[in-house]
Amino acid sequence: MTYRKLTSILIGAAMISASGATFAHEPGDWLLRVGGSQVDPTSDNGDVVSVDGDSSITFNLSYLITEHWAVELLAATPFEHAINLEGGPRVGKTEHLPPTVSIQYHLLPNADFQPYVGLGVNYTTFFDEKTTGPLAGTDLSLQDSWGVAAQVGMDWMLGDRWFLNVDVRWIDIDTDAYLDGAFLEEVEIDPMVYGAHLGYRF
């Protein structure tokens, strides 16, 4: 499903619920969301090595500048990814953290069902790389990455303060892989990230 189709679905559902709206986001509100996310990297993301997906605890904090515009910070506990030779065995693992800052636009802030879209900048840092199998004993290093992040999501108000949240993100993550200090290849991870959270407005 494309972002355009998903956004259309969210807008349509929000319009249906807008007539019964009672819980509005307002300028100055903080929205805290805590839950979990699945990072699903692009398949065949490298010619030599590839990085598998993982899930972890995620949380984000949004500040409403106006009733429509917000700034959001995404954070998480570390994700751990298996590293495989392309079409072959597992050869290592790495962990990463993906802090992301985004500007969000909330389409219907006065509805119970509140869709939004966002665009921002992601910084991904890789650490604790370890090698196994055919690469055991070698030094594998993945360089940190800067890239664009896009999202679409929705908050479903359960009352004046509590709400449910789901979101989908695409993050541009490209990392240079080095083996024993020698350049191996550029790995284009570029994951889709699927999240579900419980939120609180204060």
N, C-alpha and C. Protein backbone atom coordinates (compact mmCIF):
# COMPACT_ATOMS: atom_id res chain seq x y z
N MET A 1 0.85 -1.19 0.00
CA MET A 1 0.00 0.00 0.00
C MET A 1 0.89 1.24 0.00
N THR A 2 0.62 2.21 -0.90
CA THR A 2 1.41 3.41 -1.01
C THR A 2 1.02 4.41 0.07
N TYR A 3 1.90 5.38 0.33
CA TYR A 3 1.59 6.43 1.30
C TYR A 3 0.36 7.22 0.86
N ARG A 4 0.21 7.45 -0.46
CA ARG A 4 -0.96 8.20 -0.94
C ARG A 4 -2.25 7.47 -0.61
N LYS A 5 -2.27 6.14 -0.82
CA LYS A 5 -3.48 5.37 -0.52
C LYS A 5 -3.77 5.35 0.97
N LEU A 6 -2.70 5.14 1.78
CA LEU A 6 -2.89 5.07 3.22
C LEU A 6 -3.38 6.41 3.76
N THR A 7 -2.82 7.52 3.24
CA THR A 7 -3.26 8.84 3.67
C THR A 7 -4.72 9.06 3.33
N SER A 8 -5.16 8.61 2.14
CA SER A 8 -6.56 8.76 1.73
C SER A 8 -7.49 8.00 2.66
N ILE A 9 -7.07 6.79 3.08
CA ILE A 9 -7.87 6.00 4.01
C ILE A 9 -8.01 6.73 5.35
N LEU A 10 -6.88 7.27 5.85
CA LEU A 10 -6.90 7.97 7.13
C LEU A 10 -7.79 9.20 7.07
N ILE A 11 -7.70 9.96 5.98
CA ILE A 11 -8.53 11.15 5.84
C ILE A 11 -10.00 10.78 5.79
N GLY A 12 -10.33 9.72 5.03
CA GLY A 12 -11.73 9.30 4.92
C GLY A 12 -12.30 8.88 6.26
N ALA A 13 -11.54 8.09 7.02
CA ALA A 13 -12.02 7.65 8.33
C ALA A 13 -12.17 8.83 9.28
N ALA A 14 -11.25 9.80 9.20
CA ALA A 14 -11.33 10.96 10.08
C ALA A 14 -12.55 11.81 9.76
N MET A 15 -12.89 11.94 8.48
CA MET A 15 -14.06 12.73 8.11
C MET A 15 -15.35 12.11 8.64
N ILE A 16 -15.38 10.77 8.67
CA ILE A 16 -16.56 10.08 9.20
C ILE A 16 -16.73 10.37 10.69
N SER A 17 -15.60 10.41 11.42
CA SER A 17 -15.68 10.59 12.87
C SER A 17 -15.71 12.05 13.30
N ALA A 18 -15.42 12.98 12.37
CA ALA A 18 -15.24 14.38 12.75
C ALA A 18 -16.50 15.00 13.34
N SER A 19 -17.69 14.56 12.86
CA SER A 19 -18.94 15.19 13.31
C SER A 19 -19.19 14.95 14.79
N GLY A 20 -18.63 13.88 15.35
CA GLY A 20 -18.85 13.59 16.77
C GLY A 20 -17.67 13.97 17.63
N ALA A 21 -16.78 14.85 17.11
CA ALA A 21 -15.55 15.16 17.81
C ALA A 21 -15.79 15.88 19.12
N THR A 22 -15.00 15.50 20.13
CA THR A 22 -15.09 16.17 21.43
C THR A 22 -13.72 16.43 22.02
N PHE A 23 -12.66 15.78 21.53
CA PHE A 23 -11.35 15.86 22.16
C PHE A 23 -10.36 16.48 21.18
N ALA A 24 -10.08 17.75 21.32
CA ALA A 24 -9.26 18.47 20.35
C ALA A 24 -7.84 18.65 20.88
N HIS A 25 -6.85 18.48 19.98
CA HIS A 25 -5.50 18.90 20.29
C HIS A 25 -5.44 20.41 20.17
N GLU A 26 -4.67 21.06 21.06
CA GLU A 26 -4.60 22.51 21.08
C GLU A 26 -3.14 22.95 21.12
N PRO A 27 -2.86 24.17 20.64
CA PRO A 27 -1.50 24.69 20.73
C PRO A 27 -0.98 24.64 22.16
N GLY A 28 0.27 24.19 22.32
CA GLY A 28 0.86 24.06 23.63
C GLY A 28 0.73 22.68 24.23
N ASP A 29 -0.08 21.79 23.62
CA ASP A 29 -0.21 20.42 24.11
C ASP A 29 1.05 19.62 23.82
N TRP A 30 1.36 18.69 24.73
CA TRP A 30 2.41 17.69 24.52
C TRP A 30 1.73 16.34 24.35
N LEU A 31 2.18 15.56 23.37
CA LEU A 31 1.63 14.22 23.11
C LEU A 31 2.74 13.20 23.29
N LEU A 32 2.60 12.37 24.31
CA LEU A 32 3.58 11.32 24.58
C LEU A 32 3.01 9.98 24.14
N ARG A 33 3.76 9.26 23.30
CA ARG A 33 3.33 7.95 22.80
C ARG A 33 4.39 6.92 23.15
N VAL A 34 3.97 5.80 23.75
CA VAL A 34 4.90 4.73 24.14
C VAL A 34 4.35 3.41 23.64
N GLY A 35 5.19 2.61 23.00
CA GLY A 35 4.74 1.32 22.47
C GLY A 35 5.88 0.56 21.83
N GLY A 36 5.62 -0.03 20.69
CA GLY A 36 6.63 -0.83 20.00
C GLY A 36 6.58 -0.59 18.50
N SER A 37 7.73 -0.85 17.85
CA SER A 37 7.83 -0.68 16.40
C SER A 37 8.62 -1.83 15.79
N GLN A 38 8.27 -2.16 14.56
CA GLN A 38 8.97 -3.16 13.77
C GLN A 38 9.74 -2.45 12.66
N VAL A 39 11.05 -2.66 12.62
CA VAL A 39 11.88 -2.11 11.55
C VAL A 39 12.05 -3.19 10.49
N ASP A 40 11.59 -2.90 9.27
CA ASP A 40 11.59 -3.87 8.18
C ASP A 40 12.46 -3.33 7.05
N PRO A 41 13.78 -3.67 7.02
CA PRO A 41 14.67 -3.14 5.98
C PRO A 41 14.28 -3.61 4.59
N THR A 42 14.70 -2.83 3.60
CA THR A 42 14.53 -3.23 2.21
C THR A 42 15.16 -4.60 1.99
N SER A 43 14.44 -5.49 1.31
CA SER A 43 15.02 -6.80 1.00
C SER A 43 16.16 -6.62 0.01
N ASP A 44 17.15 -7.53 0.07
CA ASP A 44 18.34 -7.44 -0.79
C ASP A 44 18.96 -6.05 -0.70
N ASN A 45 19.20 -5.61 0.57
CA ASN A 45 19.69 -4.24 0.74
C ASN A 45 21.19 -4.09 0.55
N GLY A 46 21.88 -5.19 0.22
CA GLY A 46 23.30 -5.11 -0.09
C GLY A 46 23.70 -6.20 -1.07
N ASP A 47 24.77 -5.95 -1.84
CA ASP A 47 25.25 -6.95 -2.78
C ASP A 47 26.09 -8.03 -2.10
N VAL A 48 26.73 -7.65 -0.96
CA VAL A 48 27.59 -8.59 -0.25
C VAL A 48 26.96 -9.02 1.07
N VAL A 49 26.49 -8.05 1.87
CA VAL A 49 25.82 -8.37 3.13
C VAL A 49 24.45 -7.71 3.15
N SER A 50 23.54 -8.27 3.94
CA SER A 50 22.21 -7.69 4.10
C SER A 50 21.86 -7.67 5.58
N VAL A 51 20.94 -6.77 5.95
CA VAL A 51 20.57 -6.56 7.35
C VAL A 51 19.11 -6.95 7.54
N ASP A 52 18.83 -7.84 8.50
CA ASP A 52 17.47 -8.28 8.79
C ASP A 52 16.74 -7.27 9.67
N GLY A 53 15.42 -7.48 9.83
CA GLY A 53 14.59 -6.61 10.64
C GLY A 53 14.60 -6.97 12.12
N ASP A 54 13.96 -6.12 12.92
CA ASP A 54 13.85 -6.37 14.36
C ASP A 54 12.76 -5.45 14.91
N SER A 55 12.28 -5.76 16.11
CA SER A 55 11.30 -4.93 16.80
C SER A 55 11.87 -4.49 18.14
N SER A 56 11.38 -3.35 18.64
CA SER A 56 11.87 -2.83 19.91
C SER A 56 10.85 -1.84 20.46
N ILE A 57 11.10 -1.39 21.70
CA ILE A 57 10.25 -0.38 22.33
C ILE A 57 10.57 0.98 21.73
N THR A 58 9.54 1.71 21.34
CA THR A 58 9.71 3.06 20.81
C THR A 58 8.83 4.04 21.58
N PHE A 59 9.26 5.28 21.61
CA PHE A 59 8.46 6.33 22.24
C PHE A 59 8.75 7.62 21.49
N ASN A 60 7.74 8.46 21.40
CA ASN A 60 7.92 9.75 20.75
C ASN A 60 7.15 10.82 21.49
N LEU A 61 7.63 12.03 21.36
CA LEU A 61 7.05 13.18 22.05
C LEU A 61 6.81 14.28 21.02
N SER A 62 5.56 14.72 20.91
CA SER A 62 5.19 15.79 19.99
C SER A 62 4.76 17.02 20.77
N TYR A 63 5.12 18.19 20.24
CA TYR A 63 4.68 19.46 20.81
C TYR A 63 3.86 20.19 19.76
N LEU A 64 2.62 20.57 20.10
CA LEU A 64 1.74 21.26 19.18
C LEU A 64 2.08 22.75 19.15
N ILE A 65 2.66 23.21 18.05
CA ILE A 65 2.97 24.62 17.88
C ILE A 65 1.69 25.40 17.60
N THR A 66 0.87 24.85 16.71
CA THR A 66 -0.49 25.33 16.46
C THR A 66 -1.39 24.10 16.54
N GLU A 67 -2.69 24.26 16.29
CA GLU A 67 -3.55 23.08 16.34
C GLU A 67 -3.23 22.10 15.22
N HIS A 68 -2.59 22.56 14.14
CA HIS A 68 -2.26 21.70 13.01
C HIS A 68 -0.79 21.27 12.99
N TRP A 69 0.11 22.16 13.38
CA TRP A 69 1.54 21.89 13.23
C TRP A 69 2.18 21.47 14.55
N ALA A 70 3.04 20.45 14.46
CA ALA A 70 3.73 19.94 15.65
C ALA A 70 5.15 19.55 15.29
N VAL A 71 6.02 19.52 16.29
CA VAL A 71 7.37 18.99 16.12
C VAL A 71 7.47 17.74 16.98
N GLU A 72 8.08 16.69 16.44
CA GLU A 72 8.12 15.39 17.12
C GLU A 72 9.55 14.88 17.22
N LEU A 73 9.87 14.28 18.36
CA LEU A 73 11.13 13.57 18.56
C LEU A 73 10.82 12.09 18.75
N LEU A 74 11.41 11.24 17.91
CA LEU A 74 11.28 9.79 18.03
C LEU A 74 12.54 9.22 18.67
N ALA A 75 12.36 8.34 19.65
CA ALA A 75 13.47 7.64 20.29
C ALA A 75 13.08 6.18 20.50
N ALA A 76 14.04 5.35 20.89
CA ALA A 76 13.79 3.92 21.03
C ALA A 76 14.85 3.28 21.90
N THR A 77 14.53 2.10 22.40
CA THR A 77 15.58 1.23 22.94
C THR A 77 16.27 0.58 21.74
N PRO A 78 17.50 0.08 21.89
CA PRO A 78 18.25 -0.39 20.72
C PRO A 78 17.54 -1.51 19.96
N PHE A 79 17.63 -1.41 18.63
CA PHE A 79 17.24 -2.50 17.74
C PHE A 79 18.47 -3.35 17.47
N GLU A 80 18.30 -4.67 17.42
CA GLU A 80 19.40 -5.59 17.10
C GLU A 80 19.11 -6.28 15.77
N HIS A 81 20.06 -6.24 14.85
CA HIS A 81 19.84 -6.79 13.52
C HIS A 81 20.87 -7.86 13.20
N ALA A 82 20.39 -8.97 12.65
CA ALA A 82 21.29 -9.99 12.12
C ALA A 82 21.86 -9.51 10.79
N ILE A 83 23.12 -9.81 10.55
CA ILE A 83 23.80 -9.48 9.30
C ILE A 83 24.13 -10.77 8.58
N ASN A 84 23.74 -10.87 7.33
CA ASN A 84 23.92 -12.10 6.55
C ASN A 84 24.72 -11.82 5.29
N LEU A 85 25.51 -12.82 4.85
CA LEU A 85 26.03 -12.76 3.51
C LEU A 85 24.85 -12.86 2.55
N GLU A 86 24.84 -12.08 1.50
CA GLU A 86 23.72 -12.09 0.57
C GLU A 86 23.51 -13.49 0.01
N GLY A 87 22.32 -14.06 0.35
CA GLY A 87 21.99 -15.41 -0.10
C GLY A 87 22.70 -16.50 0.67
N GLY A 88 23.35 -16.12 1.79
CA GLY A 88 24.13 -17.10 2.53
C GLY A 88 23.86 -17.05 4.02
N PRO A 89 24.84 -17.50 4.84
CA PRO A 89 24.62 -17.64 6.28
C PRO A 89 24.73 -16.33 7.03
N ARG A 90 24.31 -16.37 8.29
CA ARG A 90 24.49 -15.23 9.19
C ARG A 90 25.98 -15.08 9.50
N VAL A 91 26.45 -13.84 9.43
CA VAL A 91 27.87 -13.60 9.67
C VAL A 91 28.11 -12.58 10.79
N GLY A 92 27.04 -12.07 11.39
CA GLY A 92 27.25 -11.13 12.46
C GLY A 92 25.97 -10.48 12.92
N LYS A 93 26.12 -9.46 13.75
CA LYS A 93 24.98 -8.69 14.24
C LYS A 93 25.43 -7.27 14.54
N THR A 94 24.47 -6.39 14.63
CA THR A 94 24.74 -5.02 15.04
C THR A 94 23.53 -4.49 15.79
N GLU A 95 23.72 -3.44 16.56
CA GLU A 95 22.61 -2.73 17.18
C GLU A 95 22.59 -1.31 16.64
N HIS A 96 21.41 -0.69 16.69
CA HIS A 96 21.33 0.69 16.25
C HIS A 96 20.27 1.45 17.02
N LEU A 97 20.44 2.77 17.06
CA LEU A 97 19.45 3.69 17.61
C LEU A 97 19.10 4.70 16.51
N PRO A 98 17.79 5.02 16.36
CA PRO A 98 17.36 5.85 15.23
C PRO A 98 16.69 7.17 15.60
N PRO A 99 17.28 8.03 16.45
CA PRO A 99 16.58 9.27 16.81
C PRO A 99 16.19 10.06 15.56
N THR A 100 14.95 10.57 15.57
CA THR A 100 14.40 11.26 14.41
C THR A 100 13.61 12.48 14.88
N VAL A 101 13.84 13.60 14.23
CA VAL A 101 13.08 14.82 14.49
C VAL A 101 12.24 15.12 13.26
N SER A 102 10.93 15.33 13.46
CA SER A 102 10.02 15.55 12.34
C SER A 102 9.10 16.74 12.60
N ILE A 103 8.68 17.36 11.51
CA ILE A 103 7.60 18.34 11.54
C ILE A 103 6.34 17.61 11.08
N GLN A 104 5.28 17.69 11.88
CA GLN A 104 4.03 17.00 11.59
C GLN A 104 2.92 17.99 11.25
N TYR A 105 2.04 17.55 10.37
CA TYR A 105 0.82 18.31 10.10
C TYR A 105 -0.37 17.45 10.47
N HIS A 106 -1.18 17.90 11.45
CA HIS A 106 -2.36 17.18 11.90
C HIS A 106 -3.56 17.68 11.09
N LEU A 107 -4.15 16.76 10.32
CA LEU A 107 -5.16 17.17 9.36
C LEU A 107 -6.46 17.62 10.01
N LEU A 108 -6.91 16.89 11.04
CA LEU A 108 -8.20 17.17 11.67
C LEU A 108 -8.03 17.17 13.19
N PRO A 109 -7.45 18.22 13.75
CA PRO A 109 -7.15 18.23 15.18
C PRO A 109 -8.38 18.26 16.09
N ASN A 110 -9.56 18.53 15.53
CA ASN A 110 -10.78 18.57 16.36
C ASN A 110 -11.59 17.29 16.30
N ALA A 111 -11.06 16.26 15.63
CA ALA A 111 -11.79 15.00 15.50
C ALA A 111 -11.32 14.01 16.57
N ASP A 112 -12.16 13.01 16.84
CA ASP A 112 -11.73 11.92 17.72
C ASP A 112 -10.66 11.07 17.05
N PHE A 113 -10.75 10.96 15.72
CA PHE A 113 -9.79 10.22 14.91
C PHE A 113 -8.94 11.24 14.17
N GLN A 114 -7.64 11.35 14.54
CA GLN A 114 -6.81 12.48 14.10
C GLN A 114 -5.61 12.00 13.29
N PRO A 115 -5.72 12.03 11.97
CA PRO A 115 -4.59 11.63 11.13
C PRO A 115 -3.55 12.74 11.01
N TYR A 116 -2.33 12.35 10.73
CA TYR A 116 -1.26 13.32 10.54
C TYR A 116 -0.22 12.76 9.58
N VAL A 117 0.55 13.65 9.00
CA VAL A 117 1.70 13.29 8.18
C VAL A 117 2.91 14.03 8.71
N GLY A 118 4.09 13.50 8.44
CA GLY A 118 5.29 14.13 8.96
C GLY A 118 6.47 13.97 8.03
N LEU A 119 7.41 14.88 8.14
CA LEU A 119 8.66 14.83 7.36
C LEU A 119 9.77 15.34 8.25
N GLY A 120 10.89 14.62 8.26
CA GLY A 120 11.96 15.03 9.15
C GLY A 120 13.32 14.48 8.78
N VAL A 121 14.22 14.51 9.77
CA VAL A 121 15.60 14.08 9.60
C VAL A 121 15.90 12.98 10.60
N ASN A 122 16.51 11.90 10.10
CA ASN A 122 16.89 10.77 10.94
C ASN A 122 18.41 10.69 11.07
N TYR A 123 18.86 10.38 12.29
CA TYR A 123 20.26 10.04 12.52
C TYR A 123 20.29 8.63 13.09
N THR A 124 20.94 7.71 12.40
CA THR A 124 21.04 6.33 12.88
C THR A 124 22.49 6.03 13.24
N THR A 125 22.70 5.60 14.47
CA THR A 125 24.03 5.22 14.91
C THR A 125 24.09 3.72 15.13
N PHE A 126 25.09 3.07 14.55
CA PHE A 126 25.30 1.63 14.68
C PHE A 126 26.40 1.39 15.71
N PHE A 127 26.25 0.33 16.49
CA PHE A 127 27.25 0.02 17.51
C PHE A 127 27.19 -1.47 17.86
N ASP A 128 28.20 -1.92 18.59
CA ASP A 128 28.28 -3.29 19.08
C ASP A 128 28.21 -4.31 17.94
N GLU A 129 28.91 -4.02 16.83
CA GLU A 129 28.97 -4.99 15.75
C GLU A 129 29.80 -6.21 16.17
N LYS A 130 29.30 -7.39 15.86
CA LYS A 130 30.01 -8.62 16.16
C LYS A 130 29.92 -9.54 14.94
N THR A 131 30.97 -10.33 14.70
CA THR A 131 31.00 -11.24 13.56
C THR A 131 30.95 -12.69 14.03
N THR A 132 30.32 -13.54 13.21
CA THR A 132 30.21 -14.97 13.48
C THR A 132 30.39 -15.73 12.17
N GLY A 133 30.38 -17.06 12.27
CA GLY A 133 30.42 -17.90 11.07
C GLY A 133 31.63 -17.62 10.21
N PRO A 134 31.43 -17.48 8.89
CA PRO A 134 32.57 -17.30 7.98
C PRO A 134 33.41 -16.05 8.27
N LEU A 135 32.81 -15.04 8.92
CA LEU A 135 33.55 -13.81 9.21
C LEU A 135 34.03 -13.73 10.66
N ALA A 136 33.88 -14.81 11.42
CA ALA A 136 34.30 -14.81 12.82
C ALA A 136 35.76 -14.39 12.94
N GLY A 137 36.03 -13.48 13.88
CA GLY A 137 37.39 -13.02 14.11
C GLY A 137 37.77 -11.78 13.33
N THR A 138 36.91 -11.35 12.42
CA THR A 138 37.17 -10.13 11.67
C THR A 138 36.47 -8.95 12.34
N ASP A 139 36.84 -7.76 11.93
CA ASP A 139 36.28 -6.53 12.51
C ASP A 139 35.33 -5.91 11.50
N LEU A 140 34.02 -6.01 11.77
CA LEU A 140 33.00 -5.42 10.92
C LEU A 140 32.53 -4.11 11.52
N SER A 141 32.49 -3.06 10.72
CA SER A 141 32.07 -1.74 11.20
C SER A 141 31.05 -1.15 10.23
N LEU A 142 29.94 -0.63 10.78
CA LEU A 142 28.92 0.07 10.00
C LEU A 142 28.92 1.53 10.41
N GLN A 143 29.03 2.41 9.43
CA GLN A 143 29.11 3.84 9.69
C GLN A 143 27.73 4.43 9.97
N ASP A 144 27.70 5.47 10.79
CA ASP A 144 26.44 6.15 11.11
C ASP A 144 25.84 6.80 9.87
N SER A 145 24.53 7.07 9.93
CA SER A 145 23.79 7.53 8.76
C SER A 145 22.92 8.73 9.08
N TRP A 146 22.85 9.68 8.15
CA TRP A 146 21.88 10.77 8.17
C TRP A 146 20.95 10.59 6.98
N GLY A 147 19.65 10.84 7.16
CA GLY A 147 18.74 10.69 6.04
C GLY A 147 17.37 11.29 6.31
N VAL A 148 16.57 11.33 5.28
CA VAL A 148 15.21 11.86 5.35
C VAL A 148 14.29 10.79 5.96
N ALA A 149 13.28 11.23 6.72
CA ALA A 149 12.28 10.33 7.28
C ALA A 149 10.89 10.89 6.98
N ALA A 150 9.98 10.03 6.50
CA ALA A 150 8.60 10.42 6.22
C ALA A 150 7.66 9.52 7.00
N GLN A 151 6.53 10.04 7.41
CA GLN A 151 5.60 9.25 8.20
C GLN A 151 4.15 9.62 7.90
N VAL A 152 3.28 8.67 8.18
CA VAL A 152 1.84 8.91 8.20
C VAL A 152 1.30 8.13 9.39
N GLY A 153 0.36 8.73 10.13
CA GLY A 153 -0.14 8.05 11.32
C GLY A 153 -1.48 8.60 11.74
N MET A 154 -1.97 8.07 12.86
CA MET A 154 -3.25 8.56 13.40
C MET A 154 -3.29 8.35 14.90
N ASP A 155 -3.94 9.31 15.56
CA ASP A 155 -4.27 9.22 16.99
C ASP A 155 -5.77 9.00 17.11
N TRP A 156 -6.17 8.02 17.89
CA TRP A 156 -7.59 7.73 18.12
C TRP A 156 -7.89 8.04 19.57
N MET A 157 -8.58 9.17 19.81
CA MET A 157 -8.81 9.63 21.17
C MET A 157 -9.76 8.70 21.93
N LEU A 158 -9.34 8.29 23.14
CA LEU A 158 -10.16 7.45 24.01
C LEU A 158 -10.85 8.28 25.09
N GLY A 159 -10.45 9.50 25.24
CA GLY A 159 -10.98 10.41 26.24
C GLY A 159 -10.25 11.73 26.12
N ASP A 160 -10.30 12.53 27.14
CA ASP A 160 -9.68 13.84 27.08
C ASP A 160 -8.16 13.76 27.04
N ARG A 161 -7.56 12.70 27.62
CA ARG A 161 -6.11 12.60 27.74
C ARG A 161 -5.51 11.40 27.00
N TRP A 162 -6.15 10.25 27.08
CA TRP A 162 -5.57 9.03 26.55
C TRP A 162 -5.99 8.79 25.10
N PHE A 163 -5.09 8.19 24.32
CA PHE A 163 -5.41 7.85 22.94
C PHE A 163 -4.54 6.69 22.46
N LEU A 164 -5.02 6.02 21.40
CA LEU A 164 -4.25 4.99 20.72
C LEU A 164 -3.59 5.59 19.49
N ASN A 165 -2.44 5.06 19.13
CA ASN A 165 -1.70 5.59 17.99
C ASN A 165 -1.12 4.45 17.14
N VAL A 166 -1.20 4.59 15.85
CA VAL A 166 -0.45 3.74 14.91
C VAL A 166 0.22 4.66 13.91
N ASP A 167 1.41 4.25 13.44
CA ASP A 167 2.08 5.04 12.42
C ASP A 167 2.94 4.14 11.54
N VAL A 168 3.23 4.66 10.35
CA VAL A 168 4.10 4.00 9.40
C VAL A 168 5.13 5.02 8.95
N ARG A 169 6.40 4.63 8.96
CA ARG A 169 7.47 5.53 8.55
C ARG A 169 8.33 4.87 7.47
N TRP A 170 8.90 5.71 6.63
CA TRP A 170 9.99 5.29 5.75
C TRP A 170 11.19 6.13 6.11
N ILE A 171 12.34 5.47 6.32
CA ILE A 171 13.55 6.17 6.73
C ILE A 171 14.68 5.84 5.77
N ASP A 172 15.35 6.88 5.30
CA ASP A 172 16.49 6.72 4.40
C ASP A 172 17.74 6.45 5.24
N ILE A 173 18.13 5.17 5.32
CA ILE A 173 19.31 4.76 6.08
C ILE A 173 20.27 4.06 5.14
N ASP A 174 21.40 4.69 4.88
CA ASP A 174 22.48 4.10 4.07
C ASP A 174 23.74 4.09 4.92
N THR A 175 24.41 2.94 4.98
CA THR A 175 25.62 2.84 5.80
C THR A 175 26.75 2.21 5.01
N ASP A 176 27.95 2.73 5.20
CA ASP A 176 29.14 2.13 4.60
C ASP A 176 29.65 1.03 5.53
N ALA A 177 29.83 -0.16 4.98
CA ALA A 177 30.31 -1.31 5.75
C ALA A 177 31.81 -1.50 5.49
N TYR A 178 32.56 -1.67 6.58
CA TYR A 178 34.00 -1.90 6.49
C TYR A 178 34.33 -3.23 7.16
N LEU A 179 35.25 -3.98 6.57
CA LEU A 179 35.71 -5.25 7.14
C LEU A 179 37.22 -5.16 7.33
N ASP A 180 37.65 -5.25 8.60
CA ASP A 180 39.07 -5.09 8.96
C ASP A 180 39.63 -3.78 8.39
N GLY A 181 38.82 -2.73 8.44
CA GLY A 181 39.26 -1.41 8.01
C GLY A 181 39.15 -1.14 6.53
N ALA A 182 38.85 -2.16 5.73
CA ALA A 182 38.74 -1.99 4.28
C ALA A 182 37.27 -1.85 3.89
N PHE A 183 36.98 -0.91 2.98
CA PHE A 183 35.60 -0.69 2.54
C PHE A 183 35.05 -1.95 1.89
N LEU A 184 33.85 -2.35 2.34
CA LEU A 184 33.21 -3.56 1.82
C LEU A 184 32.12 -3.19 0.81
N GLU A 185 31.14 -2.38 1.23
CA GLU A 185 30.10 -1.91 0.33
C GLU A 185 29.21 -0.91 1.07
N GLU A 186 28.39 -0.19 0.31
CA GLU A 186 27.34 0.64 0.89
C GLU A 186 26.08 -0.19 1.00
N VAL A 187 25.51 -0.25 2.20
CA VAL A 187 24.29 -1.03 2.44
C VAL A 187 23.12 -0.06 2.53
N GLU A 188 22.16 -0.20 1.63
CA GLU A 188 20.97 0.66 1.62
C GLU A 188 19.85 -0.05 2.39
N ILE A 189 19.70 0.31 3.66
CA ILE A 189 18.74 -0.37 4.54
C ILE A 189 17.33 0.16 4.27
N ASP A 190 17.15 1.47 4.23
CA ASP A 190 15.91 2.15 3.85
C ASP A 190 14.65 1.43 4.36
N PRO A 191 14.48 1.30 5.68
CA PRO A 191 13.40 0.46 6.20
C PRO A 191 12.03 1.14 6.21
N MET A 192 10.99 0.31 6.18
CA MET A 192 9.66 0.71 6.62
C MET A 192 9.60 0.40 8.12
N VAL A 193 9.00 1.31 8.88
CA VAL A 193 8.89 1.14 10.33
C VAL A 193 7.42 1.23 10.70
N TYR A 194 6.90 0.15 11.33
CA TYR A 194 5.49 0.06 11.68
C TYR A 194 5.36 0.14 13.20
N GLY A 195 4.59 1.12 13.70
CA GLY A 195 4.50 1.32 15.14
C GLY A 195 3.08 1.31 15.66
N ALA A 196 2.92 0.89 16.91
CA ALA A 196 1.64 0.94 17.64
C ALA A 196 1.95 1.41 19.06
N HIS A 197 1.20 2.43 19.52
CA HIS A 197 1.53 3.06 20.78
C HIS A 197 0.27 3.43 21.57
N LEU A 198 0.46 3.57 22.87
CA LEU A 198 -0.53 4.17 23.74
C LEU A 198 -0.07 5.59 24.04
N GLY A 199 -0.98 6.56 23.88
CA GLY A 199 -0.57 7.95 24.03
C GLY A 199 -1.28 8.66 25.17
N TYR A 200 -0.62 9.74 25.64
CA TYR A 200 -1.20 10.58 26.70
C TYR A 200 -0.94 12.04 26.33
N ARG A 201 -1.98 12.87 26.43
CA ARG A 201 -1.88 14.28 26.12
C ARG A 201 -1.80 15.09 27.42
N PHE A 202 -0.82 16.00 27.49
CA PHE A 202 -0.72 16.84 28.70
C PHE A 202 -0.26 18.25 28.33
